[in-house]
C-alpha atoms as a PDB file:
ATOM      1  CA  MET A   1     -12.831 -10.932  -9.532  1.00  0.00           C
ATOM      2  CA  PHE A   2     -13.190  -9.880  -5.889  1.00  0.00           C
ATOM      3  CA  MET A   3      -9.529  -8.855  -5.776  1.00  0.00           C
ATOM      4  CA  ALA A   4     -10.038  -6.480  -8.710  1.00  0.00           C
ATOM      5  CA  TYR A   5     -12.850  -4.663  -6.900  1.00  0.00           C
ATOM      6  CA  LEU A   6     -10.709  -4.608  -3.764  1.00  0.00           C
ATOM      7  CA  SER A   7      -7.833  -3.112  -5.761  1.00  0.00           C
ATOM      8  CA  LEU A   8     -10.122  -0.345  -6.989  1.00  0.00           C
ATOM      9  CA  PHE A   9     -11.329   0.196  -3.417  1.00  0.00           C
ATOM     10  CA  PHE A  10      -7.757   0.662  -2.157  1.00  0.00           C
ATOM     11  CA  SER A  11      -6.802   2.827  -5.115  1.00  0.00           C
ATOM     12  CA  ALA A  12      -9.755   5.100  -4.317  1.00  0.00           C
ATOM     13  CA  PHE A  13      -8.930   5.016  -0.602  1.00  0.00           C
ATOM     14  CA  ILE A  14      -5.346   6.130  -1.230  1.00  0.00           C
ATOM     15  CA  SER A  15      -6.545   8.771  -3.711  1.00  0.00           C
ATOM     16  CA  ALA A  16      -8.691  10.349  -1.002  1.00  0.00           C
ATOM     17  CA  THR A  17      -5.813  10.754   1.421  1.00  0.00           C
ATOM     18  CA  LEU A  18      -3.101  13.328   0.993  1.00  0.00           C
ATOM     19  CA  LEU A  19      -1.091  10.738  -0.985  1.00  0.00           C
ATOM     20  CA  PRO A  20      -1.175  11.075  -4.775  1.00  0.00           C
ATOM     21  CA  SER A  21      -2.993   8.395  -6.764  1.00  0.00           C
ATOM     22  CA  SER A  22      -5.466   8.161  -9.630  1.00  0.00           C
ATOM     23  CA  SER A  23      -8.368   5.845  -8.985  1.00  0.00           C
ATOM     24  CA  GLU A  24     -10.209   7.309 -11.982  1.00  0.00           C
ATOM     25  CA  LEU A  25      -7.669   5.723 -14.330  1.00  0.00           C
ATOM     26  CA  VAL A  26      -7.978   2.371 -12.582  1.00  0.00           C
ATOM     27  CA  MET A  27     -11.770   2.553 -12.739  1.00  0.00           C
ATOM     28  CA  THR A  28     -11.767   3.601 -16.399  1.00  0.00           C
ATOM     29  CA  ALA A  29      -9.487   0.704 -17.347  1.00  0.00           C
ATOM     30  CA  MET A  30     -11.743  -1.732 -15.507  1.00  0.00           C
ATOM     31  CA  ILE A  31     -14.819  -0.330 -17.252  1.00  0.00           C
ATOM     32  CA  ALA A  32     -13.110  -0.552 -20.645  1.00  0.00           C
ATOM     33  CA  SER A  33     -12.272  -4.216 -20.076  1.00  0.00           C
ATOM     34  CA  GLY A  34     -15.985  -5.025 -19.881  1.00  0.00           C
ATOM     35  CA  ASP A  35     -15.320  -7.717 -17.275  1.00  0.00           C
ATOM     36  CA  TYR A  36     -16.870  -6.001 -14.270  1.00  0.00           C
ATOM     37  CA  LEU A  37     -20.279  -4.993 -12.979  1.00  0.00           C
ATOM     38  CA  LEU A  38     -20.549  -1.227 -13.330  1.00  0.00           C
ATOM     39  CA  TRP A  39     -22.505  -0.713 -10.128  1.00  0.00           C
ATOM     40  CA  LEU A  40     -19.887  -2.651  -8.141  1.00  0.00           C
ATOM     41  CA  LEU A  41     -17.111  -0.562  -9.657  1.00  0.00           C
ATOM     42  CA  TRP A  42     -18.990   2.587  -8.659  1.00  0.00           C
ATOM     43  CA  LEU A  43     -19.644   1.254  -5.151  1.00  0.00           C
ATOM     44  CA  SER A  44     -16.045   0.074  -4.609  1.00  0.00           C
ATOM     45  CA  ALA A  45     -14.577   3.384  -5.731  1.00  0.00           C
ATOM     46  CA  THR A  46     -17.070   5.531  -3.844  1.00  0.00           C
ATOM     47  CA  VAL A  47     -16.814   3.648  -0.545  1.00  0.00           C
ATOM     48  CA  GLY A  48     -13.017   3.519  -0.720  1.00  0.00           C
ATOM     49  CA  ASN A  49     -12.763   7.223  -1.501  1.00  0.00           C
ATOM     50  CA  VAL A  50     -15.209   8.236   1.220  1.00  0.00           C
ATOM     51  CA  LEU A  51     -13.385   6.122   3.814  1.00  0.00           C
ATOM     52  CA  GLY A  52     -10.096   7.730   2.782  1.00  0.00           C
ATOM     53  CA  SER A  53     -11.725  11.107   3.367  1.00  0.00           C
ATOM     54  CA  CYS A  54     -12.791   9.904   6.808  1.00  0.00           C
ATOM     55  CA  VAL A  55      -9.114   9.266   7.591  1.00  0.00           C
ATOM     56  CA  ASN A  56      -8.393  12.863   6.570  1.00  0.00           C
ATOM     57  CA  TYR A  57     -11.247  14.050   8.794  1.00  0.00           C
ATOM     58  CA  TRP A  58      -9.804  12.116  11.733  1.00  0.00           C
ATOM     59  CA  LEU A  59      -6.338  13.550  11.055  1.00  0.00           C
ATOM     60  CA  GLY A  60      -7.922  16.995  11.091  1.00  0.00           C
ATOM     61  CA  THR A  61      -9.435  16.344  14.512  1.00  0.00           C
ATOM     62  CA  GLN A  62      -6.001  15.388  15.854  1.00  0.00           C
ATOM     63  CA  VAL A  63      -3.622  17.805  14.155  1.00  0.00           C
ATOM     64  CA  MET A  64      -4.441  20.976  16.068  1.00  0.00           C
ATOM     65  CA  ARG A  65      -2.965  19.694  19.303  1.00  0.00           C
ATOM     66  CA  PHE A  66       0.441  20.081  17.647  1.00  0.00           C
ATOM     67  CA  LYS A  67      -0.054  23.636  16.384  1.00  0.00           C
ATOM     68  CA  ASP A  68       2.173  25.195  19.047  1.00  0.00           C
ATOM     69  CA  ARG A  69       5.172  23.029  18.167  1.00  0.00           C
ATOM     70  CA  LYS A  70       8.042  24.625  16.262  1.00  0.00           C
ATOM     71  CA  TRP A  71       7.964  21.943  13.576  1.00  0.00           C
ATOM     72  CA  PHE A  72       4.242  22.396  12.863  1.00  0.00           C
ATOM     73  CA  PRO A  73       4.080  23.264   9.142  1.00  0.00           C
ATOM     74  CA  VAL A  74       1.110  25.666   9.252  1.00  0.00           C
ATOM     75  CA  SER A  75       1.119  29.105  10.883  1.00  0.00           C
ATOM     76  CA  GLN A  76      -1.705  30.365  13.075  1.00  0.00           C
ATOM     77  CA  LYS A  77      -2.332  33.026  10.432  1.00  0.00           C
ATOM     78  CA  SER A  78      -2.908  30.313   7.804  1.00  0.00           C
ATOM     79  CA  ILE A  79      -5.207  28.421  10.169  1.00  0.00           C
ATOM     80  CA  ASP A  80      -7.224  31.575  10.802  1.00  0.00           C
ATOM     81  CA  LYS A  81      -7.450  32.226   7.062  1.00  0.00           C
ATOM     82  CA  ALA A  82      -8.604  28.642   6.420  1.00  0.00           C
ATOM     83  CA  GLU A  83     -11.249  28.989   9.110  1.00  0.00           C
ATOM     84  CA  GLN A  84     -12.431  32.268   7.612  1.00  0.00           C
ATOM     85  CA  GLN A  85     -12.686  30.696   4.140  1.00  0.00           C
ATOM     86  CA  PHE A  86     -14.410  27.599   5.497  1.00  0.00           C
ATOM     87  CA  ASN A  87     -16.916  29.723   7.396  1.00  0.00           C
ATOM     88  CA  LYS A  88     -17.465  31.906   4.324  1.00  0.00           C
ATOM     89  CA  TYR A  89     -18.363  28.991   2.063  1.00  0.00           C
ATOM     90  CA  GLY A  90     -19.852  26.847   4.793  1.00  0.00           C
ATOM     91  CA  ILE A  91     -19.955  23.135   5.299  1.00  0.00           C
ATOM     92  CA  TYR A  92     -21.459  22.702   1.844  1.00  0.00           C
ATOM     93  CA  SER A  93     -17.985  23.244   0.455  1.00  0.00           C
ATOM     94  CA  LEU A  94     -17.472  19.591   1.458  1.00  0.00           C
ATOM     95  CA  LEU A  95     -19.576  18.685  -1.586  1.00  0.00           C
ATOM     96  CA  PHE A  96     -16.461  19.661  -3.543  1.00  0.00           C
ATOM     97  CA  ALA A  97     -14.160  17.267  -1.691  1.00  0.00           C
ATOM     98  CA  TRP A  98     -13.853  15.361  -4.982  1.00  0.00           C
ATOM     99  CA  LEU A  99     -11.938  18.200  -6.665  1.00  0.00           C
ATOM    100  CA  PRO A 100      -8.257  17.655  -7.410  1.00  0.00           C
ATOM    101  CA  ILE A 101      -5.738  19.534  -5.246  1.00  0.00           C
ATOM    102  CA  VAL A 102      -8.240  21.262  -2.908  1.00  0.00           C
ATOM    103  CA  GLY A 103     -10.542  18.335  -2.145  1.00  0.00           C
ATOM    104  CA  ASP A 104      -8.321  16.328   0.183  1.00  0.00           C
ATOM    105  CA  PRO A 105      -7.302  19.326   2.306  1.00  0.00           C
ATOM    106  CA  LEU A 106     -10.995  20.282   2.530  1.00  0.00           C
ATOM    107  CA  THR A 107     -11.715  17.010   4.315  1.00  0.00           C
ATOM    108  CA  VAL A 108      -8.877  17.677   6.771  1.00  0.00           C
ATOM    109  CA  VAL A 109     -10.289  21.163   7.395  1.00  0.00           C
ATOM    110  CA  GLY A 110     -13.684  19.581   8.055  1.00  0.00           C
ATOM    111  CA  GLY A 111     -12.057  17.624  10.869  1.00  0.00           C
ATOM    112  CA  ILE A 112     -10.087  20.598  12.179  1.00  0.00           C
ATOM    113  CA  PHE A 113     -13.257  22.651  12.534  1.00  0.00           C
ATOM    114  CA  ARG A 114     -15.212  19.692  13.911  1.00  0.00           C
ATOM    115  CA  VAL A 115     -17.996  19.510  11.352  1.00  0.00           C
ATOM    116  CA  LYS A 116     -20.591  17.092  12.705  1.00  0.00           C
ATOM    117  CA  PHE A 117     -19.433  13.722  11.377  1.00  0.00           C
ATOM    118  CA  SER A 118     -22.831  12.624  10.033  1.00  0.00           C
ATOM    119  CA  ILE A 119     -23.070  15.835   7.979  1.00  0.00           C
ATOM    120  CA  PHE A 120     -19.457  15.448   6.823  1.00  0.00           C
ATOM    121  CA  LEU A 121     -20.153  11.864   5.748  1.00  0.00           C
ATOM    122  CA  LEU A 122     -23.331  12.790   3.868  1.00  0.00           C
ATOM    123  CA  LEU A 123     -21.821  15.727   1.960  1.00  0.00           C
ATOM    124  CA  VAL A 124     -18.569  13.979   1.092  1.00  0.00           C
ATOM    125  CA  SER A 125     -20.437  10.817   0.020  1.00  0.00           C
ATOM    126  CA  LEU A 126     -22.745  12.792  -2.260  1.00  0.00           C
ATOM    127  CA  GLY A 127     -19.877  14.648  -3.921  1.00  0.00           C
ATOM    128  CA  LYS A 128     -17.609  11.648  -4.360  1.00  0.00           C
ATOM    129  CA  GLY A 129     -20.449   9.366  -5.446  1.00  0.00           C
ATOM    130  CA  ALA A 130     -21.428  11.893  -8.117  1.00  0.00           C
ATOM    131  CA  ARG A 131     -17.808  12.162  -9.273  1.00  0.00           C
ATOM    132  CA  TYR A 132     -17.469   8.398  -9.776  1.00  0.00           C
ATOM    133  CA  LEU A 133     -20.852   8.317 -11.504  1.00  0.00           C
ATOM    134  CA  ALA A 134     -19.517  10.953 -13.916  1.00  0.00           C
ATOM    135  CA  VAL A 135     -16.329   8.908 -14.472  1.00  0.00           C
ATOM    136  CA  LEU A 136     -18.489   5.865 -15.145  1.00  0.00           C
ATOM    137  CA  ALA A 137     -20.717   7.732 -17.606  1.00  0.00           C
ATOM    138  CA  PHE A 138     -17.700   9.227 -19.370  1.00  0.00           C
ATOM    139  CA  ALA A 139     -15.904   5.881 -19.647  1.00  0.00           C
ATOM    140  CA  VAL A 140     -18.969   4.037 -20.906  1.00  0.00           C
ATOM    141  CA  GLY A 141     -19.541   6.838 -23.411  1.00  0.00           C
ATOM    142  CA  LEU A 142     -15.947   6.619 -24.639  1.00  0.00           C
ATOM    143  CA  GLU A 143     -16.258   2.870 -25.030  1.00  0.00           C
ATOM    144  CA  LYS A 144     -19.247   3.363 -27.333  1.00  0.00           C
ATOM    145  CA  LEU A 145     -17.300   5.887 -29.418  1.00  0.00           C
ATOM    146  CA  PHE A 146     -14.550   3.401 -30.191  1.00  0.00           C
END
């Protein structure tokens, strides 16, 4: 049983990095099986996903030292534009770190622009915790429909 929760944790962790994965499907399948405690599924997924975002944050704090290298994939113009957008929407945009496609890069940008880590952790945890709560509610609702 522990290994199943750990598998969900790692699925969520990987999903939060820049690597593609779908922890929501794993979580939904586990909910549908009826073999697991819902609160532990939520906790495993949320903690794994938040820790994956912390890796992205750390990468963001490190990546800028390479910006002057020829192989660096992002231009200074793009960095300036990202900073402008981040400043426009503020640190509260980190509440949307759960969104597909833009969420993972948002957590890297949080690290690049050195958002205070405690604030980063709070905002990302709230957003990702709410997302997994919604997945849980949706999956439990679907189970009752069938």
